[in-house]
Amino acid sequence: MNMKFILNKKDYLEYRKGMNNTVEILDIAVYSERNKGTGTNLLKMLENEDLGHIYAFTRESNELAQGFYKKNGFRGTLLPNFYPDESAIVYIKS
């Protein structure tokens, strides 16, 4: 079952829980002002849950997402040819 945290009626983080308290971030969207900590605040809401590992996938070309995950303490691993047209990076935070 997908779950969602919503801020400001616009910004949200959608995720699903897996086995052993793991979580996969499915989507994170900030439609209000960027670089104001909104995405990080959404992530903090998720981290307040009783969790093990948090996983997030992004396209190798999505430099904005890569910077966000790195800034928030995630480690990335390249997944070659994950998408039909591009590689992906899986970010993990324990």
C-alpha atoms as a PDB file:
ATOM      1  CA  MET A   1       0.000   0.000   0.000  1.00  0.00           C
ATOM      2  CA  ASN A   2       1.380   3.411  -0.973  1.00  0.00           C
ATOM      3  CA  MET A   3       1.446   6.120   1.667  1.00  0.00           C
ATOM      4  CA  LYS A   4       1.998   9.859   1.362  1.00  0.00           C
ATOM      5  CA  PHE A   5       3.175  12.811   3.462  1.00  0.00           C
ATOM      6  CA  ILE A   6       1.808  16.134   2.199  1.00  0.00           C
ATOM      7  CA  LEU A   7       2.979  19.663   3.050  1.00  0.00           C
ATOM      8  CA  ASN A   8       1.408  22.940   1.941  1.00  0.00           C
ATOM      9  CA  LYS A   9      -1.209  21.045  -0.114  1.00  0.00           C
ATOM     10  CA  LYS A  10       1.367  20.908  -2.937  1.00  0.00           C
ATOM     11  CA  ASP A  11       4.554  19.235  -1.792  1.00  0.00           C
ATOM     12  CA  TYR A  12       4.594  15.528  -1.041  1.00  0.00           C
ATOM     13  CA  LEU A  13       6.617  12.376  -0.490  1.00  0.00           C
ATOM     14  CA  GLU A  14       5.034   9.115  -1.596  1.00  0.00           C
ATOM     15  CA  TYR A  15       6.433   5.825  -0.318  1.00  0.00           C
ATOM     16  CA  ARG A  16       5.680   2.207   0.423  1.00  0.00           C
ATOM     17  CA  LYS A  17       6.833  -0.001   3.242  1.00  0.00           C
ATOM     18  CA  GLY A  18       8.515  -3.326   2.592  1.00  0.00           C
ATOM     19  CA  MET A  19       9.734  -6.219   4.666  1.00  0.00           C
ATOM     20  CA  ASN A  20      11.871  -5.655   7.775  1.00  0.00           C
ATOM     21  CA  ASN A  21      10.789  -2.000   8.068  1.00  0.00           C
ATOM     22  CA  THR A  22      12.374  -1.019   4.757  1.00  0.00           C
ATOM     23  CA  VAL A  23      10.861   1.850   2.790  1.00  0.00           C
ATOM     24  CA  GLU A  24      11.019   2.736  -0.884  1.00  0.00           C
ATOM     25  CA  ILE A  25      10.518   6.363  -1.838  1.00  0.00           C
ATOM     26  CA  LEU A  26       8.292   6.291  -4.915  1.00  0.00           C
ATOM     27  CA  ASP A  27       8.055  10.023  -5.550  1.00  0.00           C
ATOM     28  CA  ILE A  28       9.062  13.245  -3.889  1.00  0.00           C
ATOM     29  CA  ALA A  29       7.787  16.519  -5.315  1.00  0.00           C
ATOM     30  CA  VAL A  30       8.333  20.114  -4.276  1.00  0.00           C
ATOM     31  CA  TYR A  31       6.115  22.540  -6.159  1.00  0.00           C
ATOM     32  CA  SER A  32       6.534  25.422  -3.731  1.00  0.00           C
ATOM     33  CA  GLU A  33       9.847  27.248  -3.485  1.00  0.00           C
ATOM     34  CA  ARG A  34      12.889  25.052  -3.950  1.00  0.00           C
ATOM     35  CA  ASN A  35      16.044  25.210  -1.852  1.00  0.00           C
ATOM     36  CA  LYS A  36      14.049  26.161   1.247  1.00  0.00           C
ATOM     37  CA  GLY A  37      14.331  22.756   2.969  1.00  0.00           C
ATOM     38  CA  THR A  38      10.900  21.466   1.974  1.00  0.00           C
ATOM     39  CA  GLY A  39      12.186  18.200   0.494  1.00  0.00           C
ATOM     40  CA  THR A  40      14.427  17.650   3.501  1.00  0.00           C
ATOM     41  CA  ASN A  41      11.468  18.290   5.830  1.00  0.00           C
ATOM     42  CA  LEU A  42       9.428  15.688   3.956  1.00  0.00           C
ATOM     43  CA  LEU A  43      12.299  13.251   4.294  1.00  0.00           C
ATOM     44  CA  LYS A  44      12.511  13.970   8.039  1.00  0.00           C
ATOM     45  CA  MET A  45       8.826  13.082   8.380  1.00  0.00           C
ATOM     46  CA  LEU A  46       9.621   9.723   6.817  1.00  0.00           C
ATOM     47  CA  GLU A  47      12.661   9.223   9.035  1.00  0.00           C
ATOM     48  CA  ASN A  48      10.450   9.684  12.124  1.00  0.00           C
ATOM     49  CA  GLU A  49       8.824   6.350  11.279  1.00  0.00           C
ATOM     50  CA  ASP A  50      10.272   3.137  12.760  1.00  0.00           C
ATOM     51  CA  LEU A  51      12.402   2.210   9.745  1.00  0.00           C
ATOM     52  CA  GLY A  52      15.324   0.119   8.669  1.00  0.00           C
ATOM     53  CA  HIS A  53      16.721   1.076   5.258  1.00  0.00           C
ATOM     54  CA  ILE A  54      15.249   3.759   3.005  1.00  0.00           C
ATOM     55  CA  TYR A  55      15.632   3.198  -0.757  1.00  0.00           C
ATOM     56  CA  ALA A  56      15.167   5.668  -3.595  1.00  0.00           C
ATOM     57  CA  PHE A  57      15.734   5.141  -7.316  1.00  0.00           C
ATOM     58  CA  THR A  58      16.498   7.890  -9.794  1.00  0.00           C
ATOM     59  CA  ARG A  59      17.658   8.137 -13.368  1.00  0.00           C
ATOM     60  CA  GLU A  60      21.378   8.627 -13.855  1.00  0.00           C
ATOM     61  CA  SER A  61      20.635  11.913 -15.658  1.00  0.00           C
ATOM     62  CA  ASN A  62      18.621  13.369 -12.747  1.00  0.00           C
ATOM     63  CA  GLU A  63      21.353  15.450 -11.143  1.00  0.00           C
ATOM     64  CA  LEU A  64      18.903  17.403  -8.980  1.00  0.00           C
ATOM     65  CA  ALA A  65      17.678  14.214  -7.281  1.00  0.00           C
ATOM     66  CA  GLN A  66      21.225  12.906  -6.922  1.00  0.00           C
ATOM     67  CA  GLY A  67      22.331  16.066  -5.138  1.00  0.00           C
ATOM     68  CA  PHE A  68      19.294  15.930  -2.857  1.00  0.00           C
ATOM     69  CA  TYR A  69      19.886  12.340  -1.773  1.00  0.00           C
ATOM     70  CA  LYS A  70      23.633  12.844  -1.271  1.00  0.00           C
ATOM     71  CA  LYS A  71      22.994  15.992   0.787  1.00  0.00           C
ATOM     72  CA  ASN A  72      20.633  13.986   2.995  1.00  0.00           C
ATOM     73  CA  GLY A  73      23.096  11.187   3.746  1.00  0.00           C
ATOM     74  CA  PHE A  74      22.146   8.552   1.162  1.00  0.00           C
ATOM     75  CA  ARG A  75      24.751   6.334  -0.530  1.00  0.00           C
ATOM     76  CA  GLY A  76      24.323   5.681  -4.242  1.00  0.00           C
ATOM     77  CA  THR A  77      25.000   2.625  -6.384  1.00  0.00           C
ATOM     78  CA  LEU A  78      24.801   2.627 -10.169  1.00  0.00           C
ATOM     79  CA  LEU A  79      22.381   0.143 -11.764  1.00  0.00           C
ATOM     80  CA  PRO A  80      23.442  -0.145 -15.434  1.00  0.00           C
ATOM     81  CA  ASN A  81      20.623  -0.413 -17.986  1.00  0.00           C
ATOM     82  CA  PHE A  82      17.943  -0.342 -15.290  1.00  0.00           C
ATOM     83  CA  TYR A  83      15.558   1.598 -17.506  1.00  0.00           C
ATOM     84  CA  PRO A  84      15.116   0.728 -21.194  1.00  0.00           C
ATOM     85  CA  ASP A  85      16.912   3.934 -22.208  1.00  0.00           C
ATOM     86  CA  GLU A  86      19.157   4.745 -19.260  1.00  0.00           C
ATOM     87  CA  SER A  87      20.920   3.539 -16.138  1.00  0.00           C
ATOM     88  CA  ALA A  88      19.609   4.291 -12.656  1.00  0.00           C
ATOM     89  CA  ILE A  89      21.115   5.005  -9.282  1.00  0.00           C
ATOM     90  CA  VAL A  90      19.654   3.428  -6.170  1.00  0.00           C
ATOM     91  CA  TYR A  91      20.205   5.532  -3.057  1.00  0.00           C
ATOM     92  CA  ILE A  92      20.167   3.856   0.346  1.00  0.00           C
ATOM     93  CA  LYS A  93      20.071   5.316   3.826  1.00  0.00           C
ATOM     94  CA  SER A  94      20.201   3.230   6.984  1.00  0.00           C
END
